[in-house]
Every structure is written in structure tokens, then in C-alpha cells.
N, C-alpha and C. Protein backbone atom coordinates (compact mmCIF):
# COMPACT_ATOMS: atom_id res chain seq x y z
N UNK A 1 -39.75 -69.50 -204.57
CA UNK A 1 -40.42 -69.37 -203.20
C UNK A 1 -41.34 -70.54 -203.05
N UNK A 2 -41.20 -71.23 -202.16
CA UNK A 2 -41.92 -72.39 -201.74
C UNK A 2 -43.22 -72.45 -201.56
N UNK A 3 -44.39 -73.25 -201.83
CA UNK A 3 -45.70 -73.04 -201.73
C UNK A 3 -46.16 -72.44 -200.40
N UNK A 4 -46.67 -71.77 -200.18
CA UNK A 4 -47.21 -71.33 -199.01
C UNK A 4 -46.15 -70.19 -198.03
N UNK A 5 -44.98 -70.16 -198.51
CA UNK A 5 -44.05 -69.34 -197.92
C UNK A 5 -44.58 -67.84 -197.79
N UNK A 6 -45.17 -67.39 -198.73
CA UNK A 6 -45.66 -66.02 -198.58
C UNK A 6 -46.56 -65.73 -197.36
N UNK A 7 -47.50 -66.81 -197.31
CA UNK A 7 -48.45 -66.69 -195.71
C UNK A 7 -47.61 -66.92 -194.90
N UNK A 8 -46.73 -67.75 -194.61
CA UNK A 8 -46.00 -68.25 -193.42
C UNK A 8 -45.05 -66.73 -192.95
N UNK A 9 -44.65 -66.19 -194.13
CA UNK A 9 -43.53 -65.08 -193.83
C UNK A 9 -44.83 -63.88 -193.22
N UNK A 10 -45.75 -63.68 -193.87
CA UNK A 10 -46.98 -62.67 -193.44
C UNK A 10 -47.64 -62.92 -192.04
N UNK A 11 -47.93 -64.34 -191.79
CA UNK A 11 -48.57 -64.78 -190.48
C UNK A 11 -47.73 -64.80 -189.47
N UNK A 12 -46.44 -65.64 -189.88
CA UNK A 12 -45.55 -66.03 -188.65
C UNK A 12 -44.15 -65.19 -188.43
N UNK A 13 -43.99 -64.48 -189.64
CA UNK A 13 -43.11 -63.37 -189.59
C UNK A 13 -41.61 -64.55 -189.74
N UNK A 14 -41.71 -65.51 -190.58
CA UNK A 14 -40.52 -66.45 -190.76
C UNK A 14 -40.50 -66.81 -192.15
N UNK A 15 -39.17 -67.12 -192.55
CA UNK A 15 -39.07 -67.44 -193.84
C UNK A 15 -39.47 -69.07 -193.95
N UNK A 16 -39.33 -69.61 -195.19
CA UNK A 16 -39.29 -70.76 -195.62
C UNK A 16 -38.21 -71.47 -194.80
N UNK A 17 -36.97 -70.88 -194.89
CA UNK A 17 -35.79 -71.45 -194.25
C UNK A 17 -35.82 -71.66 -192.79
N UNK A 18 -36.31 -70.54 -192.17
CA UNK A 18 -36.69 -70.77 -190.57
C UNK A 18 -37.66 -71.78 -190.30
N UNK A 19 -38.80 -72.19 -191.20
CA UNK A 19 -39.68 -73.08 -190.80
C UNK A 19 -38.79 -74.67 -190.89
N UNK A 20 -38.00 -74.67 -192.12
CA UNK A 20 -37.29 -75.61 -192.18
C UNK A 20 -36.49 -76.13 -190.95
N UNK A 21 -35.78 -75.13 -190.44
CA UNK A 21 -35.01 -74.96 -189.33
C UNK A 21 -35.92 -75.64 -187.95
N UNK A 22 -36.98 -75.03 -187.95
CA UNK A 22 -37.88 -75.36 -186.76
C UNK A 22 -38.15 -76.86 -186.91
N UNK A 23 -38.44 -77.44 -188.36
CA UNK A 23 -39.10 -78.80 -188.57
C UNK A 23 -37.85 -79.66 -188.02
N UNK A 24 -36.48 -79.08 -188.36
CA UNK A 24 -35.31 -79.98 -187.99
C UNK A 24 -35.17 -80.11 -186.74
N UNK A 25 -35.37 -78.93 -185.85
CA UNK A 25 -35.21 -79.04 -184.46
C UNK A 25 -35.97 -79.77 -183.78
N UNK A 26 -37.60 -79.97 -184.31
CA UNK A 26 -38.31 -80.82 -183.87
C UNK A 26 -38.28 -82.50 -184.19
N UNK A 27 -37.08 -82.60 -185.19
CA UNK A 27 -36.92 -83.73 -185.93
C UNK A 27 -38.00 -84.26 -186.70
N UNK A 28 -38.87 -83.41 -187.35
CA UNK A 28 -39.92 -83.63 -187.94
C UNK A 28 -40.95 -84.39 -187.30
N UNK A 29 -41.11 -84.12 -186.21
CA UNK A 29 -41.99 -84.91 -185.25
C UNK A 29 -43.07 -84.13 -184.55
N UNK A 30 -44.56 -84.49 -184.26
CA UNK A 30 -45.28 -83.65 -183.51
C UNK A 30 -44.32 -83.56 -182.16
N UNK A 31 -44.77 -82.33 -181.64
CA UNK A 31 -43.91 -81.96 -180.20
C UNK A 31 -44.50 -82.74 -178.95
N UNK A 32 -45.98 -83.28 -179.26
CA UNK A 32 -46.70 -84.08 -178.12
C UNK A 32 -46.66 -85.23 -178.32
N UNK A 33 -47.16 -85.77 -179.62
CA UNK A 33 -47.18 -87.44 -179.84
C UNK A 33 -46.17 -88.05 -180.46
N UNK A 34 -45.26 -87.31 -180.94
CA UNK A 34 -44.11 -87.78 -181.93
C UNK A 34 -44.28 -88.52 -183.30
N UNK A 35 -45.61 -88.06 -183.87
CA UNK A 35 -45.94 -88.55 -185.20
C UNK A 35 -44.92 -87.74 -186.11
N UNK A 36 -44.55 -88.52 -187.19
CA UNK A 36 -43.61 -87.99 -188.09
C UNK A 36 -44.26 -87.12 -189.35
N UNK A 37 -43.74 -85.97 -189.49
CA UNK A 37 -44.19 -85.22 -190.65
C UNK A 37 -44.05 -85.91 -191.91
N UNK A 38 -44.90 -85.79 -192.88
CA UNK A 38 -44.62 -86.45 -194.12
C UNK A 38 -43.56 -86.24 -194.92
N UNK A 39 -43.30 -84.87 -194.84
CA UNK A 39 -42.04 -84.50 -195.56
C UNK A 39 -40.98 -85.21 -195.14
N UNK A 40 -40.92 -86.05 -194.18
CA UNK A 40 -39.65 -86.75 -193.51
C UNK A 40 -39.81 -88.11 -194.10
N UNK A 41 -40.83 -88.66 -194.40
CA UNK A 41 -41.06 -90.06 -194.60
C UNK A 41 -40.95 -90.37 -196.19
N UNK A 42 -40.25 -91.42 -196.48
CA UNK A 42 -40.01 -91.69 -197.98
C UNK A 42 -41.03 -91.91 -198.89
N UNK A 43 -42.35 -92.30 -198.55
CA UNK A 43 -43.42 -92.44 -199.36
C UNK A 43 -44.04 -91.25 -199.32
N UNK A 44 -44.00 -90.26 -198.55
CA UNK A 44 -44.58 -89.26 -198.81
C UNK A 44 -46.12 -89.15 -197.93
N UNK A 45 -46.41 -90.31 -197.29
CA UNK A 45 -47.72 -90.48 -196.73
C UNK A 45 -47.71 -89.74 -195.48
N UNK A 46 -48.90 -89.49 -194.92
CA UNK A 46 -49.18 -89.06 -193.36
C UNK A 46 -49.76 -87.53 -193.65
N UNK A 47 -49.17 -86.43 -192.81
CA UNK A 47 -49.69 -85.47 -192.67
C UNK A 47 -48.44 -84.33 -192.46
N UNK A 48 -48.78 -83.09 -192.68
CA UNK A 48 -47.95 -81.86 -192.35
C UNK A 48 -48.26 -81.33 -191.21
N UNK A 49 -47.06 -81.04 -190.34
CA UNK A 49 -47.14 -80.61 -189.05
C UNK A 49 -47.50 -79.15 -189.07
N UNK A 50 -48.21 -78.62 -188.33
CA UNK A 50 -48.70 -77.47 -188.18
C UNK A 50 -47.90 -76.39 -187.16
N UNK A 51 -48.05 -75.08 -187.48
CA UNK A 51 -47.07 -74.34 -186.54
C UNK A 51 -48.18 -73.90 -185.34
N UNK A 52 -47.62 -74.26 -184.20
CA UNK A 52 -48.53 -73.79 -182.79
C UNK A 52 -47.59 -72.35 -182.70
N UNK A 53 -48.30 -71.18 -182.41
CA UNK A 53 -47.62 -69.91 -182.30
C UNK A 53 -48.50 -69.06 -181.29
N UNK A 54 -47.74 -67.90 -180.92
CA UNK A 54 -48.44 -67.19 -179.89
C UNK A 54 -49.29 -66.17 -180.85
N UNK A 55 -50.48 -66.07 -180.67
CA UNK A 55 -51.54 -65.07 -181.59
C UNK A 55 -51.05 -63.77 -181.41
N UNK A 56 -50.58 -63.14 -180.27
CA UNK A 56 -50.12 -61.86 -180.23
C UNK A 56 -49.06 -61.45 -181.04
N UNK A 57 -48.00 -62.25 -180.94
CA UNK A 57 -46.62 -61.91 -181.41
C UNK A 57 -46.51 -62.69 -183.01
N UNK A 58 -47.15 -63.98 -183.08
CA UNK A 58 -46.92 -64.98 -184.12
C UNK A 58 -45.60 -65.48 -183.97
N UNK A 59 -45.00 -65.65 -182.62
CA UNK A 59 -43.67 -66.38 -182.40
C UNK A 59 -44.06 -67.73 -182.42
N UNK A 60 -42.99 -68.53 -183.28
CA UNK A 60 -43.47 -70.07 -183.31
C UNK A 60 -43.06 -70.55 -181.77
N UNK A 61 -43.84 -71.49 -181.26
CA UNK A 61 -43.55 -72.10 -180.21
C UNK A 61 -43.27 -73.64 -180.70
N UNK A 62 -44.17 -74.57 -180.87
CA UNK A 62 -44.01 -75.81 -181.43
C UNK A 62 -44.36 -76.10 -182.69
N UNK A 63 -44.14 -77.48 -183.00
CA UNK A 63 -44.68 -78.15 -184.32
C UNK A 63 -45.61 -79.48 -183.83
N UNK A 64 -46.89 -79.26 -184.29
CA UNK A 64 -47.84 -80.20 -184.04
C UNK A 64 -48.53 -80.74 -184.89
N UNK A 65 -48.87 -82.17 -184.95
CA UNK A 65 -49.83 -82.60 -185.91
C UNK A 65 -51.31 -82.04 -185.59
N UNK A 66 -52.16 -82.49 -186.60
CA UNK A 66 -53.60 -81.95 -186.91
C UNK A 66 -54.17 -82.32 -185.38
N UNK A 67 -54.08 -83.54 -185.16
CA UNK A 67 -54.85 -83.91 -183.43
C UNK A 67 -54.38 -83.36 -182.45
N UNK A 68 -53.07 -83.04 -182.31
CA UNK A 68 -52.38 -82.36 -181.25
C UNK A 68 -52.84 -80.98 -181.07
N UNK A 69 -52.71 -80.08 -182.47
CA UNK A 69 -53.10 -78.91 -182.64
C UNK A 69 -54.50 -78.54 -182.30
């Protein structure tokens, strides 16, 4: 199990693989400003995207950087 995967499953109802698929669908970029997630950078610098979701259902909407979130 990946770090944080149990929290992601509990809060958002998705698996680590679901999260990876979401990141891929957004090209590892913030949906608003286009900054690249650190998991896609060769040197690992930068930030990790946040999951923007509907609070009532937990459904994932977008992947956002800290500033846009």
C-alpha cells in the first residue's frame, strides 16, 4: 500500500491506482494554472497536487496545486 492510500480510500473512495489514473488524465498538471506535479519531475522538486472533490459525495473533480486549491 502506498503512503496515504488508506486515507485516500477512506476520504475519497478511490484507490491509489484511481489516483494515479486521475493524475495521468490531468498530465500531472494543476487543472487551473498548469504547474507540474513533483511526481512527474525528474529531480522531484516542486509540490504534490491536491485532490479537489465534492464534499458531499467525495467525488474527485480536479487535481490542483496548493495555490489554486
